[in-house]
PDB file of all heavy atoms in Angstrom:
ATOM      1  N   LEU A   1     167.711 113.997 172.271  1.00  0.00           N
ATOM      2  CA  LEU A   1     167.394 112.825 171.450  1.00  0.00           C
ATOM      3  C   LEU A   1     168.657 112.192 170.893  1.00  0.00           C
ATOM      4  O   LEU A   1     168.759 110.958 170.795  1.00  0.00           O
ATOM      5  CB  LEU A   1     166.452 113.214 170.313  1.00  0.00           C
ATOM      6  CG  LEU A   1     165.019 113.573 170.716  1.00  0.00           C
ATOM      7  CD1 LEU A   1     164.227 114.018 169.487  1.00  0.00           C
ATOM      8  CD2 LEU A   1     164.354 112.379 171.389  1.00  0.00           C
ATOM      9  N   LEU A   2     169.623 113.025 170.517  1.00  0.00           N
ATOM     10  CA  LEU A   2     170.898 112.510 170.031  1.00  0.00           C
ATOM     11  C   LEU A   2     171.602 111.716 171.131  1.00  0.00           C
ATOM     12  O   LEU A   2     172.121 110.624 170.885  1.00  0.00           O
ATOM     13  CB  LEU A   2     171.776 113.670 169.562  1.00  0.00           C
ATOM     14  CG  LEU A   2     173.213 113.306 169.130  1.00  0.00           C
ATOM     15  CD1 LEU A   2     173.189 112.346 167.937  1.00  0.00           C
ATOM     16  CD2 LEU A   2     174.007 114.570 168.802  1.00  0.00           C
ATOM     17  N   VAL A   3     171.611 112.252 172.336  1.00  0.00           N
ATOM     18  CA  VAL A   3     172.246 111.567 173.467  1.00  0.00           C
ATOM     19  C   VAL A   3     171.543 110.236 173.735  1.00  0.00           C
ATOM     20  O   VAL A   3     172.191 109.210 173.981  1.00  0.00           O
ATOM     21  CB  VAL A   3     172.217 112.454 174.725  1.00  0.00           C
ATOM     22  CG1 VAL A   3     172.748 111.690 175.942  1.00  0.00           C
ATOM     23  CG2 VAL A   3     173.030 113.721 174.497  1.00  0.00           C
ATOM     24  N   LEU A   4     170.213 110.250 173.678  1.00  0.00           N
ATOM     25  CA  LEU A   4     169.434 109.027 173.881  1.00  0.00           C
ATOM     26  C   LEU A   4     169.824 107.961 172.859  1.00  0.00           C
ATOM     27  O   LEU A   4     170.051 106.794 173.207  1.00  0.00           O
ATOM     28  CB  LEU A   4     167.944 109.347 173.781  1.00  0.00           C
ATOM     29  CG  LEU A   4     166.959 108.184 173.981  1.00  0.00           C
ATOM     30  CD1 LEU A   4     167.014 107.682 175.412  1.00  0.00           C
ATOM     31  CD2 LEU A   4     165.539 108.635 173.641  1.00  0.00           C
ATOM     32  N   GLY A   5     169.911 108.353 171.574  1.00  0.00           N
ATOM     33  CA  GLY A   5     170.272 107.402 170.533  1.00  0.00           C
ATOM     34  C   GLY A   5     171.679 106.874 170.689  1.00  0.00           C
ATOM     35  O   GLY A   5     171.931 105.669 170.504  1.00  0.00           O
ATOM     36  N   VAL A   6     172.621 107.762 171.027  1.00  0.00           N
ATOM     37  CA  VAL A   6     174.016 107.347 171.222  1.00  0.00           C
ATOM     38  C   VAL A   6     174.134 106.384 172.399  1.00  0.00           C
ATOM     39  O   VAL A   6     174.882 105.402 172.349  1.00  0.00           O
ATOM     40  CB  VAL A   6     174.909 108.586 171.425  1.00  0.00           C
ATOM     41  CG1 VAL A   6     176.281 108.187 171.944  1.00  0.00           C
ATOM     42  CG2 VAL A   6     175.052 109.355 170.118  1.00  0.00           C
ATOM     43  N   PHE A   7     173.379 106.642 173.463  1.00  0.00           N
ATOM     44  CA  PHE A   7     173.402 105.753 174.629  1.00  0.00           C
ATOM     45  C   PHE A   7     173.004 104.338 174.223  1.00  0.00           C
ATOM     46  O   PHE A   7     173.693 103.362 174.548  1.00  0.00           O
ATOM     47  CB  PHE A   7     172.441 106.286 175.690  1.00  0.00           C
ATOM     48  CG  PHE A   7     172.488 105.543 177.005  1.00  0.00           C
ATOM     49  CD1 PHE A   7     173.093 106.104 178.112  1.00  0.00           C
ATOM     50  CD2 PHE A   7     171.929 104.277 177.141  1.00  0.00           C
ATOM     51  CE1 PHE A   7     173.146 105.429 179.328  1.00  0.00           C
ATOM     52  CE2 PHE A   7     171.974 103.585 178.339  1.00  0.00           C
ATOM     53  CZ  PHE A   7     172.578 104.169 179.432  1.00  0.00           C
ATOM     54  N   MET A   8     171.886 104.222 173.508  1.00  0.00           N
ATOM     55  CA  MET A   8     171.392 102.889 173.158  1.00  0.00           C
ATOM     56  C   MET A   8     172.314 102.202 172.154  1.00  0.00           C
ATOM     57  O   MET A   8     172.569 100.994 172.258  1.00  0.00           O
ATOM     58  CB  MET A   8     169.974 102.990 172.590  1.00  0.00           C
ATOM     59  CG  MET A   8     168.944 103.538 173.586  1.00  0.00           C
ATOM     60  SD  MET A   8     168.905 102.643 175.174  1.00  0.00           S
ATOM     61  CE  MET A   8     168.408 101.005 174.639  1.00  0.00           C
ATOM     62  N   LEU A   9     172.848 102.955 171.186  1.00  0.00           N
ATOM     63  CA  LEU A   9     173.727 102.357 170.180  1.00  0.00           C
ATOM     64  C   LEU A   9     175.027 101.866 170.811  1.00  0.00           C
ATOM     65  O   LEU A   9     175.467 100.734 170.558  1.00  0.00           O
ATOM     66  CB  LEU A   9     174.030 103.374 169.081  1.00  0.00           C
ATOM     67  CG  LEU A   9     175.038 102.908 168.022  1.00  0.00           C
ATOM     68  CD1 LEU A   9     174.503 101.697 167.267  1.00  0.00           C
ATOM     69  CD2 LEU A   9     175.374 104.045 167.047  1.00  0.00           C
ATOM     70  N   THR A  10     175.661 102.692 171.615  1.00  0.00           N
ATOM     71  CA  THR A  10     176.933 102.291 172.222  1.00  0.00           C
ATOM     72  C   THR A  10     176.731 101.166 173.238  1.00  0.00           C
ATOM     73  O   THR A  10     177.625 100.327 173.421  1.00  0.00           O
ATOM     74  CB  THR A  10     177.620 103.492 172.890  1.00  0.00           C
ATOM     75  OG1 THR A  10     176.712 104.125 173.813  1.00  0.00           O
ATOM     76  CG2 THR A  10     178.064 104.509 171.847  1.00  0.00           C
ATOM     77  N   ASN A  11     175.573 101.151 173.875  1.00  0.00           N
ATOM     78  CA  ASN A  11     175.268 100.045 174.786  1.00  0.00           C
ATOM     79  C   ASN A  11     175.222  98.728 174.009  1.00  0.00           C
ATOM     80  O   ASN A  11     175.733  97.693 174.462  1.00  0.00           O
ATOM     81  CB  ASN A  11     173.925 100.311 175.470  1.00  0.00           C
ATOM     82  CG  ASN A  11     173.689  99.390 176.651  1.00  0.00           C
ATOM     83  OD1 ASN A  11     174.622  98.898 177.264  1.00  0.00           O
ATOM     84  ND2 ASN A  11     172.438  99.148 176.975  1.00  0.00           N
ATOM     85  N   LEU A  12     174.627  98.773 172.813  1.00  0.00           N
ATOM     86  CA  LEU A  12     174.572  97.582 171.963  1.00  0.00           C
ATOM     87  C   LEU A  12     175.969  97.172 171.500  1.00  0.00           C
ATOM     88  O   LEU A  12     176.317  95.985 171.493  1.00  0.00           O
ATOM     89  CB  LEU A  12     173.663  97.853 170.758  1.00  0.00           C
ATOM     90  CG  LEU A  12     173.577  96.730 169.718  1.00  0.00           C
ATOM     91  CD1 LEU A  12     173.009  95.458 170.346  1.00  0.00           C
ATOM     92  CD2 LEU A  12     172.726  97.175 168.526  1.00  0.00           C
ATOM     93  N   VAL A  13     176.779  98.150 171.095  1.00  0.00           N
ATOM     94  CA  VAL A  13     178.140  97.848 170.644  1.00  0.00           C
ATOM     95  C   VAL A  13     178.953  97.210 171.775  1.00  0.00           C
ATOM     96  O   VAL A  13     179.673  96.222 171.572  1.00  0.00           O
ATOM     97  CB  VAL A  13     178.833  99.124 170.130  1.00  0.00           C
ATOM     98  CG1 VAL A  13     180.314  98.857 169.854  1.00  0.00           C
ATOM     99  CG2 VAL A  13     178.138  99.637 168.868  1.00  0.00           C
ATOM    100  N   ASN A  14     178.818  97.763 172.959  1.00  0.00           N
ATOM    101  CA  ASN A  14     179.518  97.202 174.117  1.00  0.00           C
ATOM    102  C   ASN A  14     179.103  95.749 174.334  1.00  0.00           C
ATOM    103  O   ASN A  14     179.939  94.855 174.555  1.00  0.00           O
ATOM    104  CB  ASN A  14     179.195  98.037 175.354  1.00  0.00           C
ATOM    105  CG  ASN A  14     179.852  97.488 176.605  1.00  0.00           C
ATOM    106  OD1 ASN A  14     180.992  97.045 176.598  1.00  0.00           O
ATOM    107  ND2 ASN A  14     179.100  97.501 177.707  1.00  0.00           N
ATOM    108  N   PHE A  15     177.791  95.488 174.261  1.00  0.00           N
ATOM    109  CA  PHE A  15     177.304  94.113 174.427  1.00  0.00           C
ATOM    110  C   PHE A  15     177.886  93.190 173.362  1.00  0.00           C
ATOM    111  O   PHE A  15     178.318  92.070 173.661  1.00  0.00           O
ATOM    112  CB  PHE A  15     175.776  94.094 174.371  1.00  0.00           C
ATOM    113  CG  PHE A  15     175.209  92.707 174.240  1.00  0.00           C
ATOM    114  CD1 PHE A  15     175.084  91.882 175.348  1.00  0.00           C
ATOM    115  CD2 PHE A  15     174.839  92.204 172.992  1.00  0.00           C
ATOM    116  CE1 PHE A  15     174.590  90.591 175.226  1.00  0.00           C
ATOM    117  CE2 PHE A  15     174.328  90.922 172.866  1.00  0.00           C
ATOM    118  CZ  PHE A  15     174.215  90.106 173.988  1.00  0.00           C
ATOM    119  N   LEU A  16     177.883  93.639 172.110  1.00  0.00           N
ATOM    120  CA  LEU A  16     178.348  92.786 171.014  1.00  0.00           C
ATOM    121  C   LEU A  16     179.824  92.418 171.176  1.00  0.00           C
ATOM    122  O   LEU A  16     180.219  91.287 170.881  1.00  0.00           O
ATOM    123  CB  LEU A  16     178.111  93.482 169.675  1.00  0.00           C
ATOM    124  CG  LEU A  16     176.640  93.631 169.259  1.00  0.00           C
ATOM    125  CD1 LEU A  16     176.537  94.437 167.971  1.00  0.00           C
ATOM    126  CD2 LEU A  16     175.977  92.269 169.099  1.00  0.00           C
ATOM    127  N   ILE A  17     180.625  93.348 171.658  1.00  0.00           N
ATOM    128  CA  ILE A  17     182.053  93.049 171.829  1.00  0.00           C
ATOM    129  C   ILE A  17     182.254  92.045 172.960  1.00  0.00           C
ATOM    130  O   ILE A  17     182.942  91.028 172.811  1.00  0.00           O
ATOM    131  CB  ILE A  17     182.848  94.335 172.106  1.00  0.00           C
ATOM    132  CG1 ILE A  17     182.799  95.266 170.886  1.00  0.00           C
ATOM    133  CG2 ILE A  17     184.295  94.010 172.470  1.00  0.00           C
ATOM    134  CD1 ILE A  17     183.442  96.615 171.119  1.00  0.00           C
ATOM    135  N   ILE A  18     181.643  92.329 174.121  1.00  0.00           N
ATOM    136  CA  ILE A  18     181.820  91.454 175.281  1.00  0.00           C
ATOM    137  C   ILE A  18     181.189  90.086 175.033  1.00  0.00           C
ATOM    138  O   ILE A  18     181.808  89.036 175.266  1.00  0.00           O
ATOM    139  CB  ILE A  18     181.203  92.096 176.540  1.00  0.00           C
ATOM    140  CG1 ILE A  18     181.867  93.459 176.830  1.00  0.00           C
ATOM    141  CG2 ILE A  18     181.346  91.164 177.730  1.00  0.00           C
ATOM    142  CD1 ILE A  18     183.325  93.388 177.160  1.00  0.00           C
ATOM    143  N   ALA A  19     179.931  90.083 174.543  1.00  0.00           N
ATOM    144  CA  ALA A  19     179.239  88.813 174.309  1.00  0.00           C
ATOM    145  C   ALA A  19     179.869  88.042 173.157  1.00  0.00           C
ATOM    146  O   ALA A  19     179.918  86.805 173.177  1.00  0.00           O
ATOM    147  CB  ALA A  19     177.759  89.058 174.030  1.00  0.00           C
ATOM    148  N   GLY A  20     180.348  88.769 172.136  1.00  0.00           N
ATOM    149  CA  GLY A  20     180.995  88.096 171.014  1.00  0.00           C
ATOM    150  C   GLY A  20     182.223  87.329 171.462  1.00  0.00           C
ATOM    151  O   GLY A  20     182.441  86.179 171.042  1.00  0.00           O
ATOM    152  N   ASP A  21     183.032  87.949 172.325  1.00  0.00           N
ATOM    153  CA  ASP A  21     184.206  87.256 172.861  1.00  0.00           C
ATOM    154  C   ASP A  21     183.784  86.012 173.641  1.00  0.00           C
ATOM    155  O   ASP A  21     184.373  84.931 173.492  1.00  0.00           O
ATOM    156  CB  ASP A  21     184.982  88.209 173.764  1.00  0.00           C
ATOM    157  CG  ASP A  21     186.159  87.534 174.437  1.00  0.00           C
ATOM    158  OD1 ASP A  21     187.241  87.486 173.819  1.00  0.00           O
ATOM    159  OD2 ASP A  21     185.995  87.060 175.582  1.00  0.00           O
ATOM    160  N   HIS A  22     182.741  86.158 174.451  1.00  0.00           N
ATOM    161  CA  HIS A  22     182.255  85.025 175.241  1.00  0.00           C
ATOM    162  C   HIS A  22     181.779  83.889 174.337  1.00  0.00           C
ATOM    163  O   HIS A  22     182.075  82.710 174.586  1.00  0.00           O
ATOM    164  CB  HIS A  22     181.111  85.492 176.144  1.00  0.00           C
ATOM    165  CG  HIS A  22     180.408  84.386 176.857  1.00  0.00           C
ATOM    166  ND1 HIS A  22     180.955  83.718 177.939  1.00  0.00           N
ATOM    167  CD2 HIS A  22     179.180  83.818 176.643  1.00  0.00           C
ATOM    168  CE1 HIS A  22     180.113  82.792 178.351  1.00  0.00           C
ATOM    169  NE2 HIS A  22     179.030  82.838 177.585  1.00  0.00           N
ATOM    170  N   CYS A  23     181.056  84.233 173.297  1.00  0.00           N
ATOM    171  CA  CYS A  23     180.511  83.206 172.404  1.00  0.00           C
ATOM    172  C   CYS A  23     181.602  82.480 171.636  1.00  0.00           C
ATOM    173  O   CYS A  23     181.528  81.261 171.436  1.00  0.00           O
ATOM    174  CB  CYS A  23     179.506  83.835 171.433  1.00  0.00           C
ATOM    175  SG  CYS A  23     177.983  84.398 172.222  1.00  0.00           S
ATOM    176  N   VAL A  24     182.616  83.200 171.212  1.00  0.00           N
ATOM    177  CA  VAL A  24     183.715  82.571 170.475  1.00  0.00           C
ATOM    178  C   VAL A  24     184.429  81.546 171.349  1.00  0.00           C
ATOM    179  O   VAL A  24     184.778  80.454 170.904  1.00  0.00           O
ATOM    180  CB  VAL A  24     184.706  83.638 169.961  1.00  0.00           C
ATOM    181  CG1 VAL A  24     186.000  82.980 169.488  1.00  0.00           C
ATOM    182  CG2 VAL A  24     184.079  84.435 168.838  1.00  0.00           C
ATOM    183  N   HIS A  25     184.620  81.886 172.621  1.00  0.00           N
ATOM    184  CA  HIS A  25     185.394  81.005 173.498  1.00  0.00           C
ATOM    185  C   HIS A  25     184.563  79.902 174.128  1.00  0.00           C
ATOM    186  O   HIS A  25     185.122  78.909 174.612  1.00  0.00           O
ATOM    187  CB  HIS A  25     186.076  81.824 174.595  1.00  0.00           C
ATOM    188  CG  HIS A  25     187.197  82.670 174.091  1.00  0.00           C
ATOM    189  ND1 HIS A  25     187.024  83.974 173.706  1.00  0.00           N
ATOM    190  CD2 HIS A  25     188.509  82.387 173.877  1.00  0.00           C
ATOM    191  CE1 HIS A  25     188.181  84.471 173.294  1.00  0.00           C
ATOM    192  NE2 HIS A  25     189.095  83.521 173.382  1.00  0.00           N
ATOM    193  N   THR A  26     183.244  80.033 174.155  1.00  0.00           N
ATOM    194  CA  THR A  26     182.398  79.008 174.784  1.00  0.00           C
ATOM    195  C   THR A  26     181.531  78.256 173.784  1.00  0.00           C
ATOM    196  O   THR A  26     180.943  77.232 174.132  1.00  0.00           O
ATOM    197  CB  THR A  26     181.473  79.640 175.843  1.00  0.00           C
ATOM    198  OG1 THR A  26     180.562  80.550 175.212  1.00  0.00           O
ATOM    199  CG2 THR A  26     182.287  80.367 176.900  1.00  0.00           C
ATOM    200  N   GLY A  27     181.407  78.773 172.563  1.00  0.00           N
ATOM    201  CA  GLY A  27     180.547  78.138 171.579  1.00  0.00           C
ATOM    202  C   GLY A  27     179.087  78.501 171.714  1.00  0.00           C
ATOM    203  O   GLY A  27     178.233  77.939 171.023  1.00  0.00           O
ATOM    204  N   ALA A  28     178.767  79.456 172.619  1.00  0.00           N
ATOM    205  CA  ALA A  28     177.379  79.876 172.794  1.00  0.00           C
ATOM    206  C   ALA A  28     176.905  80.666 171.581  1.00  0.00           C
ATOM    207  O   ALA A  28     177.707  81.181 170.792  1.00  0.00           O
ATOM    208  CB  ALA A  28     177.246  80.724 174.056  1.00  0.00           C
ATOM    209  N   SER A  29     175.591  80.761 171.432  1.00  0.00           N
ATOM    210  CA  SER A  29     175.003  81.493 170.315  1.00  0.00           C
ATOM    211  C   SER A  29     174.867  82.971 170.667  1.00  0.00           C
ATOM    212  O   SER A  29     174.328  83.320 171.720  1.00  0.00           O
ATOM    213  CB  SER A  29     173.619  80.914 169.994  1.00  0.00           C
ATOM    214  OG  SER A  29     172.864  81.801 169.203  1.00  0.00           O
ATOM    215  N   LEU A  30     175.352  83.843 169.768  1.00  0.00           N
ATOM    216  CA  LEU A  30     175.239  85.279 170.023  1.00  0.00           C
ATOM    217  C   LEU A  30     173.772  85.701 170.049  1.00  0.00           C
ATOM    218  O   LEU A  30     173.368  86.531 170.873  1.00  0.00           O
ATOM    219  CB  LEU A  30     175.998  86.064 168.945  1.00  0.00           C
ATOM    220  CG  LEU A  30     176.037  87.595 169.141  1.00  0.00           C
ATOM    221  CD1 LEU A  30     176.693  87.956 170.465  1.00  0.00           C
ATOM    222  CD2 LEU A  30     176.784  88.252 167.976  1.00  0.00           C
ATOM    223  N   ALA A  31     172.972  85.116 169.170  1.00  0.00           N
ATOM    224  CA  ALA A  31     171.541  85.437 169.169  1.00  0.00           C
ATOM    225  C   ALA A  31     170.895  85.001 170.475  1.00  0.00           C
ATOM    226  O   ALA A  31     170.045  85.707 171.041  1.00  0.00           O
ATOM    227  CB  ALA A  31     170.845  84.760 167.987  1.00  0.00           C
ATOM    228  N   GLY A  32     171.303  83.834 170.970  1.00  0.00           N
ATOM    229  CA  GLY A  32     170.766  83.358 172.247  1.00  0.00           C
ATOM    230  C   GLY A  32     171.173  84.253 173.396  1.00  0.00           C
ATOM    231  O   GLY A  32     170.371  84.550 174.284  1.00  0.00           O
ATOM    232  N   GLU A  33     172.440  84.688 173.387  1.00  0.00           N
ATOM    233  CA  GLU A  33     172.907  85.598 174.431  1.00  0.00           C
ATOM    234  C   GLU A  33     172.167  86.931 174.358  1.00  0.00           C
ATOM    235  O   GLU A  33     171.831  87.528 175.390  1.00  0.00           O
ATOM    236  CB  GLU A  33     174.417  85.844 174.270  1.00  0.00           C
ATOM    237  CG  GLU A  33     175.271  84.617 174.493  1.00  0.00           C
ATOM    238  CD  GLU A  33     175.269  84.177 175.939  1.00  0.00           C
ATOM    239  OE1 GLU A  33     175.766  84.920 176.791  1.00  0.00           O
ATOM    240  OE2 GLU A  33     174.738  83.084 176.221  1.00  0.00           O
ATOM    241  N   PHE A  34     171.884  87.380 173.150  1.00  0.00           N
ATOM    242  CA  PHE A  34     171.159  88.643 172.974  1.00  0.00           C
ATOM    243  C   PHE A  34     169.762  88.536 173.586  1.00  0.00           C
ATOM    244  O   PHE A  34     169.314  89.435 174.300  1.00  0.00           O
ATOM    245  CB  PHE A  34     171.066  88.969 171.478  1.00  0.00           C
ATOM    246  CG  PHE A  34     170.351  90.265 171.176  1.00  0.00           C
ATOM    247  CD1 PHE A  34     171.028  91.474 171.248  1.00  0.00           C
ATOM    248  CD2 PHE A  34     169.012  90.262 170.824  1.00  0.00           C
ATOM    249  CE1 PHE A  34     170.373  92.669 170.971  1.00  0.00           C
ATOM    250  CE2 PHE A  34     168.349  91.441 170.543  1.00  0.00           C
ATOM    251  CZ  PHE A  34     169.029  92.653 170.622  1.00  0.00           C
ATOM    252  N   ARG A  35     169.077  87.423 173.299  1.00  0.00           N
ATOM    253  CA  ARG A  35     167.723  87.243 173.842  1.00  0.00           C
ATOM    254  C   ARG A  35     167.743  87.059 175.353  1.00  0.00           C
ATOM    255  O   ARG A  35     166.855  87.549 176.056  1.00  0.00           O
ATOM    256  CB  ARG A  35     167.052  86.038 173.183  1.00  0.00           C
ATOM    257  CG  ARG A  35     166.661  86.246 171.728  1.00  0.00           C
ATOM    258  CD  ARG A  35     165.780  85.112 171.224  1.00  0.00           C
ATOM    259  NE  ARG A  35     166.458  83.823 171.284  1.00  0.00           N
ATOM    260  CZ  ARG A  35     167.184  83.317 170.298  1.00  0.00           C
ATOM    261  NH1 ARG A  35     167.325  84.003 169.162  1.00  0.00           N
ATOM    262  NH2 ARG A  35     167.772  82.144 170.419  1.00  0.00           N
ATOM    263  N   ALA A  36     168.742  86.353 175.858  1.00  0.00           N
ATOM    264  CA  ALA A  36     168.772  86.024 177.282  1.00  0.00           C
ATOM    265  C   ALA A  36     169.291  87.161 178.145  1.00  0.00           C
ATOM    266  O   ALA A  36     168.867  87.315 179.290  1.00  0.00           O
ATOM    267  CB  ALA A  36     169.623  84.777 177.508  1.00  0.00           C
TER     268      ALA A  36
END
């Protein structure tokens, strides 16, 4: 269960870093990228 939780949390962190960089440079919405 710990491994399962760490997998999902780090997957989210990875997304936030990569998508955050994309949104800053393109003006896209982070919430929109999250949903899409």
